[in-house]
């Protein structure tokens, strides 16, 4: 018998504010599209409705991605990381993921990180 949605949500290590980081990734290309925040209810809606729902920290309300823009995120899978403090949601993205109109929220500004040594073979 599979684990219930509530039992799955109970495994999440929410912050003191009741939130968990949700990394949104295109299911087939593995492209990281965006990061959002979910509380238990947003995660429940995401897992049961098949569309990604976030908790907006600025507006203090739920928002389902694409309801106003049409750029929806259809859930393919959701996984919890080893510490339980982040959720990876694999989606089929319809249209741009970013509110700026770009495919991903991670293509705007390169931080030019210093590269470490090459791995030893």
Protein backbone atom coordinates (compact mmCIF):
# COMPACT_ATOMS: atom_id res chain seq x y z
CA UNK A 1 0.00 0.00 0.00
CA UNK A 2 1.39 3.41 -0.90
CA UNK A 3 1.97 6.13 1.64
CA UNK A 4 -0.81 8.70 2.02
CA UNK A 5 -0.33 12.33 0.93
CA UNK A 6 -0.57 13.46 4.58
CA UNK A 7 2.13 10.96 5.62
CA UNK A 8 4.39 12.23 2.84
CA UNK A 9 3.86 15.84 3.88
CA UNK A 10 4.62 14.96 7.52
CA UNK A 11 8.14 13.92 6.43
CA UNK A 12 8.90 17.48 5.24
CA UNK A 13 11.11 19.61 7.51
CA UNK A 14 9.33 22.94 7.14
CA UNK A 15 11.07 26.13 8.34
CA UNK A 16 9.94 27.95 11.47
CA UNK A 17 7.69 29.97 9.12
CA UNK A 18 6.08 26.74 7.93
CA UNK A 19 7.69 26.81 4.47
CA UNK A 20 9.83 24.52 2.34
CA UNK A 21 11.91 25.47 -0.70
CA UNK A 22 10.53 23.98 -3.91
CA UNK A 23 12.97 23.63 -6.79
CA UNK A 24 11.13 23.40 -10.09
CA UNK A 25 12.85 21.42 -12.84
CA UNK A 26 11.82 20.55 -16.40
CA UNK A 27 11.24 16.80 -16.28
CA UNK A 28 12.89 15.77 -19.55
CA UNK A 29 15.81 18.20 -19.93
CA UNK A 30 16.56 18.54 -16.19
CA UNK A 31 16.75 22.32 -16.67
CA UNK A 32 16.22 24.16 -13.37
CA UNK A 33 13.39 26.59 -14.00
CA UNK A 34 12.71 28.37 -10.73
CA UNK A 35 12.54 28.24 -6.96
CA UNK A 36 9.38 28.91 -4.99
CA UNK A 37 8.07 28.34 -1.49
CA UNK A 38 5.36 25.98 -0.32
CA UNK A 39 3.61 25.44 2.96
CA UNK A 40 1.89 22.15 3.76
CA UNK A 41 -1.32 23.18 1.97
CA UNK A 42 0.49 24.35 -1.18
CA UNK A 43 2.39 21.05 -1.26
CA UNK A 44 -0.85 19.12 -0.74
CA UNK A 45 -2.48 20.98 -3.64
CA UNK A 46 0.57 20.37 -5.83
CA UNK A 47 0.58 16.64 -5.10
CA UNK A 48 -3.16 16.14 -5.52
CA UNK A 49 -4.10 18.55 -8.33
CA UNK A 50 -1.17 17.97 -10.69
CA UNK A 51 -0.41 21.69 -11.03
CA UNK A 52 2.24 23.50 -8.99
CA UNK A 53 0.92 25.75 -6.22
CA UNK A 54 3.15 28.07 -4.20
CA UNK A 55 2.78 30.20 -1.10
CA UNK A 56 3.57 33.82 -1.98
CA UNK A 57 5.60 35.31 0.84
CA UNK A 58 5.09 38.85 -0.49
CA UNK A 59 1.33 38.62 -1.09
CA UNK A 60 0.66 36.16 1.75
CA UNK A 61 -1.58 34.00 -0.45
CA UNK A 62 -1.57 30.86 -2.57
CA UNK A 63 -0.84 31.13 -6.26
CA UNK A 64 -1.05 28.40 -8.79
CA UNK A 65 1.57 28.87 -11.46
CA UNK A 66 0.00 29.90 -14.75
CA UNK A 67 -3.48 30.89 -13.57
CA UNK A 68 -3.02 34.43 -14.89
CA UNK A 69 -0.22 33.97 -17.45
CA UNK A 70 -1.23 30.61 -18.91
CA UNK A 71 2.35 29.38 -18.33
CA UNK A 72 1.39 26.35 -16.29
CA UNK A 73 3.52 23.72 -14.62
CA UNK A 74 2.18 20.18 -14.91
CA UNK A 75 3.60 17.94 -12.18
CA UNK A 76 5.44 14.84 -13.39
CA UNK A 77 6.99 13.88 -10.03
CA UNK A 78 7.96 15.30 -6.66
CA UNK A 79 10.81 14.19 -4.42
CA UNK A 80 12.06 15.19 -1.00
CA UNK A 81 15.79 15.70 -0.48
CA UNK A 82 17.79 13.67 2.06
CA UNK A 83 17.32 16.24 4.85
CA UNK A 84 13.65 16.75 4.13
CA UNK A 85 14.10 20.50 3.81
CA UNK A 86 13.71 20.90 0.04
CA UNK A 87 11.31 19.53 -2.53
CA UNK A 88 12.26 18.85 -6.14
CA UNK A 89 9.23 19.09 -8.40
CA UNK A 90 9.69 17.82 -11.94
CA UNK A 91 7.25 19.49 -14.29
CA UNK A 92 6.24 19.89 -17.87
CA UNK A 93 6.56 23.65 -18.27
CA UNK A 94 4.13 25.31 -20.68
CA UNK A 95 5.59 28.66 -21.77
CA UNK A 96 8.17 30.65 -19.82
CA UNK A 97 8.68 29.79 -16.15
CA UNK A 98 9.94 33.22 -15.06
CA UNK A 99 7.71 36.24 -14.50
CA UNK A 100 10.15 38.21 -16.72
CA UNK A 101 9.11 36.08 -19.69
CA UNK A 102 12.28 33.99 -19.88
CA UNK A 103 12.35 30.20 -19.95
CA UNK A 104 14.10 29.96 -16.58
CA UNK A 105 14.62 32.32 -13.66
CA UNK A 106 18.32 31.36 -13.65
CA UNK A 107 19.49 32.90 -16.91
CA UNK A 108 19.56 36.59 -15.98
CA UNK A 109 22.78 37.18 -14.06
CA UNK A 110 25.95 35.09 -14.06
CA UNK A 111 27.76 35.32 -10.72
CA UNK A 112 31.04 34.17 -12.29
CA UNK A 113 31.95 31.77 -9.52
CA UNK A 114 35.58 30.77 -9.18
CA UNK A 115 36.04 27.24 -10.45
CA UNK A 116 37.64 24.69 -8.22
CA UNK A 117 40.31 22.21 -9.33
CA UNK A 118 39.46 19.65 -11.96
CA UNK A 119 38.37 16.30 -10.52
CA UNK A 120 41.00 13.60 -10.26
CA UNK A 121 40.28 10.66 -12.54
